[in-house]
């Protein structure tokens, strides 16, 4: 994921609208999501990836966030919690950001102004026991000083199905394009990342809260940077498991997953196999508090000559809490641990530990204030044959956003974002300040 970036201008729109709901996201970089019963591959920003799906699609869809996305664009423009009305609904967005270090470099910083325009469409409909949600958005970004304008297309769709009283599940698809501020930020310009997830998973109720699960999933990532650390991964997995749902709505699940994938631009290795065992929990502590947790052991074995140096295994997981403290204040906080491939050089892998905290204050009926702080430690483990030997990066990202709902259909937002990377290789250090203003119309 060697990609430099800033966060696009419409991220400010999403931040203003969605930051209040941001929660823990399962982020194992190249393994498909674990999570609870029927977990979807289509997640709006702000929803825990460990939250169980139900046949009630007012419960938002879920998808894993990679560490790159979590830092770069944690507030997806599609499938937001902002509008759960049935039928067709259109939206339009416009915004501007001022970025003090648009290329995320240690020296020779360029300050630039980014403008953005976006159009979106959401359709939601319940038909008997079935629920369909489709949300798509096209955004265009323009940079004033550098030649880096681009168009991003994001979508999130799901069919939440139920057959009789015993069979239910979900079929979903999700595509996200975003800028990655965790990249190297030296000479590659503005690079973009696209992540896709498709999932079909069903459950059969055995009675007394027990259910057996089975599903198939495909996950892929692509980067405009040819030296992306994960080498443009594509993986198809099957998973089986069981879950138990308590009368309170709390859920426990255990799954086994086996996946087979490949890298499209690795100079040494091509394919790999994943084996993962995971346990997940969604705990309804009270009507105001929920806790989501995931603990898994992932093993990745690579194909080809000398591929063993790239193999890795270990624990991954996440834990997060959403707490509605009062009628006007809430708090989301969490921690995630990830493992990821590193395919340039002659061996090694990546490990990351990330935590965040995000309080929200509804100052008035129309004005909401959001604060989020996020910190990540990224380690380059057992790296050989590369300049990244022994490298460690620390990321700090802070967001302050204000959202003003001046009308039922019109929202104005303002945001300040601070980013900092401290690397054991000083050439990769950077600081950036971003100020953004946005307007959003929904009809």
Protein backbone atom coordinates (compact mmCIF):
# COMPACT_ATOMS: atom_id res chain seq x y z
CA UNK A 1 0.00 0.00 0.00
CA UNK A 2 2.74 2.38 -0.83
CA UNK A 3 0.57 5.25 -1.81
CA UNK A 4 0.65 8.90 -0.97
CA UNK A 5 -2.43 10.75 -0.37
CA UNK A 6 -4.62 13.32 1.09
CA UNK A 7 -8.19 12.81 2.00
CA UNK A 8 -10.54 13.92 -0.79
CA UNK A 9 -12.78 16.89 -0.40
CA UNK A 10 -16.03 14.98 -0.16
CA UNK A 11 -14.61 13.20 2.83
CA UNK A 12 -15.37 16.40 4.67
CA UNK A 13 -19.00 16.01 3.68
CA UNK A 14 -19.06 12.48 4.93
CA UNK A 15 -17.16 13.42 8.06
CA UNK A 16 -19.65 16.13 8.88
CA UNK A 17 -22.59 13.80 8.28
CA UNK A 18 -21.28 10.46 9.49
CA UNK A 19 -18.64 11.04 12.15
CA UNK A 20 -21.14 10.74 15.02
CA UNK A 21 -21.69 7.09 14.27
CA UNK A 22 -18.15 5.90 13.59
CA UNK A 23 -17.42 2.67 15.43
CA UNK A 24 -14.99 -0.22 15.42
CA UNK A 25 -14.31 -1.81 12.03
CA UNK A 26 -12.75 -5.22 11.41
CA UNK A 27 -9.64 -4.44 9.44
CA UNK A 28 -7.56 -7.54 8.74
CA UNK A 29 -6.01 -6.17 5.60
CA UNK A 30 -6.28 -9.07 3.22
CA UNK A 31 -8.68 -11.48 4.83
CA UNK A 32 -12.41 -11.26 4.12
CA UNK A 33 -14.54 -10.14 7.01
CA UNK A 34 -15.39 -12.27 9.94
CA UNK A 35 -18.09 -10.88 12.11
CA UNK A 36 -21.48 -12.03 13.17
CA UNK A 37 -24.36 -13.89 11.59
CA UNK A 38 -25.08 -12.83 8.03
CA UNK A 39 -22.51 -10.05 8.11
CA UNK A 40 -22.67 -8.11 4.88
CA UNK A 41 -19.92 -6.91 2.61
CA UNK A 42 -21.66 -3.57 2.28
CA UNK A 43 -20.97 -1.33 5.25
CA UNK A 44 -21.91 2.26 5.72
CA UNK A 45 -19.37 4.32 7.56
CA UNK A 46 -19.96 4.35 11.23
CA UNK A 47 -21.19 0.79 11.64
CA UNK A 48 -19.26 -1.86 13.51
CA UNK A 49 -18.22 -4.68 11.23
CA UNK A 50 -18.96 -7.04 14.07
CA UNK A 51 -22.60 -5.95 14.25
CA UNK A 52 -24.92 -8.82 13.31
CA UNK A 53 -27.18 -8.46 10.33
CA UNK A 54 -30.89 -9.01 10.82
CA UNK A 55 -33.74 -9.19 8.38
CA UNK A 56 -34.51 -5.63 9.37
CA UNK A 57 -32.41 -3.55 6.99
CA UNK A 58 -32.82 -0.45 9.08
CA UNK A 59 -29.83 -2.12 10.71
CA UNK A 60 -27.02 -0.87 8.43
CA UNK A 61 -24.94 -3.19 6.28
CA UNK A 62 -21.36 -4.00 7.28
CA UNK A 63 -18.03 -4.47 5.52
CA UNK A 64 -14.42 -4.60 6.72
CA UNK A 65 -12.18 -1.55 6.49
CA UNK A 66 -8.55 -2.05 5.58
CA UNK A 67 -6.04 -0.06 7.65
CA UNK A 68 -5.47 2.11 4.58
CA UNK A 69 -9.12 3.02 4.37
CA UNK A 70 -9.55 3.44 8.11
CA UNK A 71 -6.91 6.17 8.13
CA UNK A 72 -7.55 7.69 4.73
CA UNK A 73 -11.30 7.82 4.36
CA UNK A 74 -13.10 6.36 7.34
CA UNK A 75 -16.36 8.05 6.39
CA UNK A 76 -17.71 6.33 3.29
CA UNK A 77 -20.01 8.45 1.11
CA UNK A 78 -22.36 5.54 0.43
CA UNK A 79 -24.89 3.67 2.57
CA UNK A 80 -24.87 6.25 5.33
CA UNK A 81 -27.11 6.12 8.34
CA UNK A 82 -28.37 9.57 7.43
CA UNK A 83 -31.32 8.42 5.31
CA UNK A 84 -33.26 5.22 5.98
CA UNK A 85 -36.44 6.18 4.08
CA UNK A 86 -37.91 3.74 1.60
CA UNK A 87 -37.98 4.39 -2.14
CA UNK A 88 -35.62 6.39 -4.36
CA UNK A 89 -33.70 9.34 -2.90
CA UNK A 90 -31.18 11.53 -4.69
CA UNK A 91 -28.40 13.60 -3.17
CA UNK A 92 -25.92 16.14 -4.35
CA UNK A 93 -22.73 17.37 -2.67
CA UNK A 94 -20.24 20.19 -3.16
CA UNK A 95 -17.18 21.02 -1.12
CA UNK A 96 -13.78 22.62 -0.92
CA UNK A 97 -10.67 21.74 1.11
CA UNK A 98 -7.40 23.50 1.74
CA UNK A 99 -4.56 21.02 2.27
CA UNK A 100 -1.18 22.18 3.60
CA UNK A 101 0.75 19.12 2.31
CA UNK A 102 -1.17 17.60 -0.56
CA UNK A 103 1.52 15.04 -1.47
CA UNK A 104 2.21 13.96 2.14
CA UNK A 105 5.97 14.49 1.84
CA UNK A 106 8.67 15.30 4.38
CA UNK A 107 10.18 18.08 2.24
CA UNK A 108 9.01 20.21 -0.65
CA UNK A 109 5.44 20.36 0.64
CA UNK A 110 2.79 21.70 -1.73
CA UNK A 111 -0.27 23.48 -0.36
CA UNK A 112 -3.28 23.03 -2.60
CA UNK A 113 -7.02 23.63 -2.84
CA UNK A 114 -9.26 20.70 -3.76
CA UNK A 115 -12.83 21.09 -4.92
CA UNK A 116 -15.34 18.29 -5.23
CA UNK A 117 -18.78 17.61 -6.67
CA UNK A 118 -20.83 14.47 -6.15
CA UNK A 119 -24.14 12.89 -7.12
CA UNK A 120 -25.67 9.94 -5.30
CA UNK A 121 -28.72 7.69 -5.44
CA UNK A 122 -30.15 5.44 -2.75
CA UNK A 123 -32.97 2.91 -3.07
CA UNK A 124 -34.39 1.00 -0.14
CA UNK A 125 -37.43 -1.27 -0.19
CA UNK A 126 -38.95 -4.01 1.94
CA UNK A 127 -40.93 -6.64 0.01
CA UNK A 128 -42.60 -9.10 2.35
CA UNK A 129 -39.69 -10.71 4.26
CA UNK A 130 -37.06 -9.42 1.81
CA UNK A 131 -35.17 -6.14 2.07
CA UNK A 132 -33.18 -4.49 -0.73
CA UNK A 133 -30.76 -1.57 -0.37
CA UNK A 134 -28.73 -0.02 -3.19
CA UNK A 135 -26.58 3.09 -2.70
CA UNK A 136 -24.23 4.53 -5.32
CA UNK A 137 -22.28 7.77 -5.69
CA UNK A 138 -20.00 9.41 -8.25
CA UNK A 139 -17.57 12.09 -7.04
CA UNK A 140 -15.24 14.32 -9.07
CA UNK A 141 -12.19 15.92 -7.45
CA UNK A 142 -10.13 18.78 -8.89
CA UNK A 143 -6.74 20.01 -7.64
CA UNK A 144 -5.78 23.60 -8.22
CA UNK A 145 -1.96 23.25 -8.44
CA UNK A 146 -1.19 19.64 -9.30
CA UNK A 147 -2.53 17.56 -12.19
CA UNK A 148 -4.25 14.90 -10.13
CA UNK A 149 -7.99 15.27 -10.71
CA UNK A 150 -9.97 12.04 -10.72
CA UNK A 151 -13.47 10.58 -10.57
CA UNK A 152 -14.41 8.05 -7.88
CA UNK A 153 -17.33 5.63 -8.13
CA UNK A 154 -18.53 3.98 -4.92
CA UNK A 155 -21.44 1.62 -4.41
CA UNK A 156 -22.94 -0.56 -1.73
CA UNK A 157 -25.80 -2.99 -2.33
CA UNK A 158 -27.42 -5.80 -0.39
CA UNK A 159 -30.34 -8.20 -0.55
CA UNK A 160 -31.28 -9.29 2.95
CA UNK A 161 -33.36 -12.43 2.43
CA UNK A 162 -35.53 -14.70 4.54
CA UNK A 163 -37.11 -17.98 3.47
CA UNK A 164 -39.71 -19.26 5.88
CA UNK A 165 -38.91 -19.23 9.56
CA UNK A 166 -35.53 -20.99 9.50
CA UNK A 167 -33.44 -19.72 6.59
CA UNK A 168 -32.10 -16.18 6.23
CA UNK A 169 -28.96 -14.44 5.03
CA UNK A 170 -27.52 -11.77 2.80
CA UNK A 171 -26.09 -11.25 -0.67
CA UNK A 172 -24.10 -8.05 -1.02
CA UNK A 173 -21.53 -6.13 -3.02
CA UNK A 174 -19.40 -3.14 -2.06
CA UNK A 175 -16.89 -0.97 -3.93
CA UNK A 176 -14.86 1.87 -2.41
CA UNK A 177 -12.32 4.19 -3.99
CA UNK A 178 -10.27 6.45 -1.74
CA UNK A 179 -6.96 8.22 -1.21
CA UNK A 180 -4.44 6.50 1.07
CA UNK A 181 -2.60 8.86 3.39
CA UNK A 182 -0.61 5.97 4.91
CA UNK A 183 1.51 5.57 1.75
CA UNK A 184 5.16 6.50 1.37
CA UNK A 185 4.58 10.04 0.18
CA UNK A 186 7.88 10.51 -1.62
CA UNK A 187 7.66 10.58 -5.40
CA UNK A 188 4.61 8.68 -6.59
CA UNK A 189 2.19 11.60 -6.72
CA UNK A 190 -1.48 11.11 -5.94
CA UNK A 191 -2.36 7.42 -5.81
CA UNK A 192 -5.77 5.89 -5.35
CA UNK A 193 -6.95 2.59 -3.96
CA UNK A 194 -10.05 0.59 -4.86
CA UNK A 195 -11.36 -2.12 -2.54
CA UNK A 196 -14.20 -4.51 -3.42
CA UNK A 197 -16.11 -7.11 -1.42
CA UNK A 198 -18.83 -9.50 -2.57
CA UNK A 199 -20.53 -11.84 -0.13
CA UNK A 200 -23.24 -14.49 -0.03
CA UNK A 201 -23.94 -15.98 3.38
CA UNK A 202 -26.91 -17.87 4.78
CA UNK A 203 -27.94 -19.25 8.13
CA UNK A 204 -30.23 -22.09 9.18
CA UNK A 205 -31.95 -21.82 12.56
CA UNK A 206 -31.71 -24.98 14.64
CA UNK A 207 -33.87 -23.64 17.44
CA UNK A 208 -33.16 -22.30 20.93
CA UNK A 209 -30.99 -19.51 19.47
CA UNK A 210 -28.54 -21.79 17.61
CA UNK A 211 -27.79 -21.37 13.93
CA UNK A 212 -25.40 -22.93 11.42
CA UNK A 213 -23.72 -20.65 8.88
CA UNK A 214 -22.16 -21.06 5.45
CA UNK A 215 -21.01 -18.54 2.87
CA UNK A 216 -18.77 -17.53 -0.01
CA UNK A 217 -16.89 -14.26 -0.40
CA UNK A 218 -14.64 -12.51 -2.88
CA UNK A 219 -12.35 -9.62 -1.96
CA UNK A 220 -10.07 -7.56 -4.20
CA UNK A 221 -7.92 -4.43 -3.95
CA UNK A 222 -6.27 -2.36 -6.64
CA UNK A 223 -3.92 0.61 -6.44
CA UNK A 224 -2.68 3.09 -8.99
CA UNK A 225 0.73 2.66 -7.31
CA UNK A 226 2.49 -0.33 -8.97
CA UNK A 227 4.57 -0.90 -5.82
CA UNK A 228 1.63 -1.21 -3.42
CA UNK A 229 2.74 -3.36 -0.49
CA UNK A 230 -0.13 -5.83 -0.86
CA UNK A 231 0.40 -6.19 -4.64
CA UNK A 232 -3.21 -5.88 -5.81
CA UNK A 233 -4.73 -8.82 -4.04
CA UNK A 234 -7.71 -10.93 -5.16
CA UNK A 235 -9.10 -13.69 -2.94
CA UNK A 236 -12.09 -16.05 -2.88
CA UNK A 237 -13.04 -17.71 0.40
CA UNK A 238 -15.52 -20.17 1.82
CA UNK A 239 -16.55 -20.08 5.45
CA UNK A 240 -18.65 -22.21 7.78
CA UNK A 241 -19.62 -21.74 11.38
CA UNK A 242 -22.23 -21.54 14.06
CA UNK A 243 -23.77 -18.80 16.16
CA UNK A 244 -26.00 -18.37 19.18
CA UNK A 245 -28.36 -15.45 19.72
CA UNK A 246 -29.51 -14.59 23.22
CA UNK A 247 -32.95 -13.20 24.03
CA UNK A 248 -31.31 -9.83 24.74
CA UNK A 249 -30.09 -9.59 21.13
CA UNK A 250 -26.47 -10.39 22.04
CA UNK A 251 -24.75 -12.86 19.72
CA UNK A 252 -21.73 -15.19 19.80
CA UNK A 253 -20.32 -16.79 16.64
CA UNK A 254 -17.48 -19.11 15.68
CA UNK A 255 -16.27 -19.51 12.09
CA UNK A 256 -13.62 -21.29 10.04
CA UNK A 257 -12.53 -19.72 6.75
CA UNK A 258 -10.35 -21.03 3.93
CA UNK A 259 -9.34 -18.71 1.12
CA UNK A 260 -7.33 -18.90 -2.08
CA UNK A 261 -5.94 -15.79 -3.73
CA UNK A 262 -3.25 -14.22 -5.86
CA UNK A 263 -1.32 -10.99 -6.38
CA UNK A 264 -1.43 -9.32 -9.78
CA UNK A 265 1.84 -7.40 -9.57
CA UNK A 266 4.15 -9.22 -7.18
CA UNK A 267 7.72 -9.56 -8.52
CA UNK A 268 8.33 -12.86 -6.68
CA UNK A 269 5.17 -14.65 -5.49
CA UNK A 270 1.77 -15.17 -7.08
CA UNK A 271 -0.74 -17.18 -5.09
CA UNK A 272 -1.50 -17.86 -1.42
CA UNK A 273 -3.86 -19.78 0.86
CA UNK A 274 -5.49 -18.49 4.02
CA UNK A 275 -6.73 -20.48 7.00
CA UNK A 276 -8.51 -18.57 9.73
CA UNK A 277 -10.48 -19.43 12.85
CA UNK A 278 -12.36 -16.60 14.50
CA UNK A 279 -14.77 -15.90 17.31
CA UNK A 280 -16.99 -12.84 17.37
CA UNK A 281 -19.30 -11.24 19.89
CA UNK A 282 -22.01 -8.61 19.77
CA UNK A 283 -22.99 -7.74 23.35
CA UNK A 284 -26.02 -5.58 24.08
CA UNK A 285 -24.91 -4.25 27.44
CA UNK A 286 -27.93 -1.98 27.78
CA UNK A 287 -30.31 -0.05 25.50
CA UNK A 288 -27.63 2.65 25.35
CA UNK A 289 -24.45 0.58 25.13
CA UNK A 290 -23.16 -2.15 22.79
CA UNK A 291 -19.78 -3.87 22.64
CA UNK A 292 -18.42 -5.67 19.56
CA UNK A 293 -15.35 -7.88 19.62
CA UNK A 294 -13.50 -10.22 17.29
CA UNK A 295 -10.53 -12.54 17.96
CA UNK A 296 -9.01 -14.64 15.19
CA UNK A 297 -5.92 -16.60 14.22
CA UNK A 298 -4.86 -16.11 10.60
CA UNK A 299 -2.29 -18.20 8.73
CA UNK A 300 -1.19 -17.26 5.19
CA UNK A 301 0.99 -19.60 3.11
CA UNK A 302 2.39 -18.41 -0.22
CA UNK A 303 3.14 -20.32 -3.43
CA UNK A 304 6.28 -20.38 -5.53
CA UNK A 305 10.03 -20.61 -5.04
CA UNK A 306 11.35 -18.84 -1.92
CA UNK A 307 7.76 -17.94 -1.00
CA UNK A 308 8.16 -19.22 2.53
CA UNK A 309 9.88 -16.01 3.62
CA UNK A 310 6.59 -14.19 2.98
CA UNK A 311 4.40 -16.56 5.04
CA UNK A 312 2.98 -15.29 8.30
CA UNK A 313 0.53 -16.24 11.03
CA UNK A 314 -0.76 -14.71 14.24
CA UNK A 315 -3.64 -13.17 16.12
CA UNK A 316 -5.86 -10.46 14.70
CA UNK A 317 -8.93 -8.86 16.17
CA UNK A 318 -10.88 -5.84 17.23
CA UNK A 319 -12.91 -4.51 20.12
CA UNK A 320 -15.16 -1.49 20.24
CA UNK A 321 -17.87 0.19 22.23
CA UNK A 322 -20.75 2.47 21.27
CA UNK A 323 -22.19 4.34 24.24
CA UNK A 324 -25.12 6.76 24.13
CA UNK A 325 -24.13 8.63 27.27
CA UNK A 326 -27.02 11.10 27.31
CA UNK A 327 -29.62 12.31 24.86
CA UNK A 328 -27.05 14.76 23.48
CA UNK A 329 -23.72 12.99 23.90
CA UNK A 330 -22.31 9.68 22.69
CA UNK A 331 -18.95 7.96 22.46
CA UNK A 332 -17.42 5.43 20.08
CA UNK A 333 -14.02 3.90 20.85
CA UNK A 334 -12.10 0.84 19.73
CA UNK A 335 -8.92 -1.07 19.00
CA UNK A 336 -7.91 -3.27 16.05
CA UNK A 337 -4.93 -5.49 15.27
CA UNK A 338 -4.10 -6.47 11.68
CA UNK A 339 -1.69 -8.61 9.68
CA UNK A 340 -0.91 -7.89 6.03
CA UNK A 341 1.29 -9.05 3.18
CA UNK A 342 4.51 -7.36 2.12
CA UNK A 343 5.55 -8.70 -1.29
CA UNK A 344 8.39 -6.42 -2.37
CA UNK A 345 11.85 -7.44 -1.27
CA UNK A 346 12.61 -11.05 -0.45
CA UNK A 347 10.45 -11.61 2.62
CA UNK A 348 8.42 -10.18 5.48
CA UNK A 349 4.94 -8.96 6.37
CA UNK A 350 3.18 -6.04 8.07
CA UNK A 351 1.57 -5.76 11.49
CA UNK A 352 -0.52 -2.85 12.71
CA UNK A 353 -2.20 -1.85 15.95
CA UNK A 354 -4.76 0.96 15.84
CA UNK A 355 -7.01 2.59 18.38
CA UNK A 356 -9.46 5.45 18.18
CA UNK A 357 -11.90 7.47 20.27
CA UNK A 358 -14.73 9.61 18.96
CA UNK A 359 -17.12 11.63 21.14
CA UNK A 360 -20.17 13.37 19.67
CA UNK A 361 -22.16 16.27 21.10
CA UNK A 362 -25.54 17.32 19.75
CA UNK A 363 -25.34 20.95 20.74
CA UNK A 364 -28.83 21.79 19.47
CA UNK A 365 -31.54 20.11 17.42
CA UNK A 366 -29.75 21.34 14.30
CA UNK A 367 -26.04 21.38 15.20
CA UNK A 368 -23.81 18.38 15.92
CA UNK A 369 -20.13 18.56 16.93
CA UNK A 370 -17.86 15.57 16.34
CA UNK A 371 -14.33 14.82 17.48
CA UNK A 372 -12.23 11.78 16.55
CA UNK A 373 -8.64 10.87 17.35
CA UNK A 374 -6.92 7.85 15.83
CA UNK A 375 -3.44 6.38 16.36
CA UNK A 376 -1.77 3.52 14.52
CA UNK A 377 1.55 1.73 14.98
CA UNK A 378 2.66 -0.09 11.82
CA UNK A 379 5.59 -2.55 11.94
CA UNK A 380 7.53 -4.02 9.02
CA UNK A 381 8.29 -7.49 10.38
CA UNK A 382 11.10 -9.79 9.13
CA UNK A 383 11.56 -7.62 6.04
CA UNK A 384 14.52 -8.68 3.87
CA UNK A 385 15.87 -7.41 0.57
CA UNK A 386 14.23 -4.00 0.90
CA UNK A 387 14.93 -0.52 2.19
CA UNK A 388 12.07 -1.03 4.68
CA UNK A 389 14.15 -3.35 6.88
CA UNK A 390 13.41 -2.55 10.53
CA UNK A 391 10.95 0.19 9.60
CA UNK A 392 8.23 1.37 11.97
CA UNK A 393 5.61 4.05 11.29
CA UNK A 394 3.34 5.87 13.72
CA UNK A 395 0.24 7.70 12.47
CA UNK A 396 -1.81 10.28 14.34
CA UNK A 397 -5.01 11.60 12.81
CA UNK A 398 -7.42 14.02 14.49
CA UNK A 399 -10.73 15.30 13.11
CA UNK A 400 -13.04 18.04 14.37
CA UNK A 401 -16.31 18.42 12.51
CA UNK A 402 -19.46 20.52 12.83
CA UNK A 403 -22.69 19.65 11.01
CA UNK A 404 -25.58 22.10 10.67
CA UNK A 405 -28.93 20.79 9.42
CA UNK A 406 -30.37 24.06 8.26
CA UNK A 407 -33.29 22.26 6.57
CA UNK A 408 -34.54 18.68 6.52
CA UNK A 409 -32.91 18.24 3.12
CA UNK A 410 -29.91 20.60 3.45
CA UNK A 411 -26.80 20.11 5.56
CA UNK A 412 -23.73 22.32 5.86
CA UNK A 413 -20.50 21.02 7.33
CA UNK A 414 -17.09 22.28 8.40
CA UNK A 415 -14.10 20.18 9.30
CA UNK A 416 -10.51 20.44 10.49
CA UNK A 417 -8.19 17.42 10.07
CA UNK A 418 -4.63 17.00 11.32
CA UNK A 419 -2.34 14.19 10.13
CA UNK A 420 1.13 13.20 11.25
CA UNK A 421 3.41 10.29 10.41
CA UNK A 422 6.56 9.61 12.43
CA UNK A 423 8.73 6.95 10.77
CA UNK A 424 11.98 5.29 11.74
CA UNK A 425 12.98 6.29 8.19
CA UNK A 426 12.81 10.11 8.39
CA UNK A 427 12.22 10.47 4.65
CA UNK A 428 8.67 9.21 5.23
CA UNK A 429 7.73 11.69 7.97
CA UNK A 430 5.03 14.24 7.22
CA UNK A 431 2.52 16.63 8.75
CA UNK A 432 -0.63 17.96 7.11
CA UNK A 433 -3.49 20.28 8.05
CA UNK A 434 -6.76 20.14 6.14
CA UNK A 435 -9.70 22.55 6.42
CA UNK A 436 -12.92 21.72 4.59
CA UNK A 437 -16.39 23.16 3.93
CA UNK A 438 -19.24 21.17 2.40
CA UNK A 439 -22.90 21.39 1.44
CA UNK A 440 -25.25 18.44 0.98
CA UNK A 441 -28.75 18.28 -0.53
CA UNK A 442 -30.94 15.18 -0.20
CA UNK A 443 -34.33 14.80 -1.89
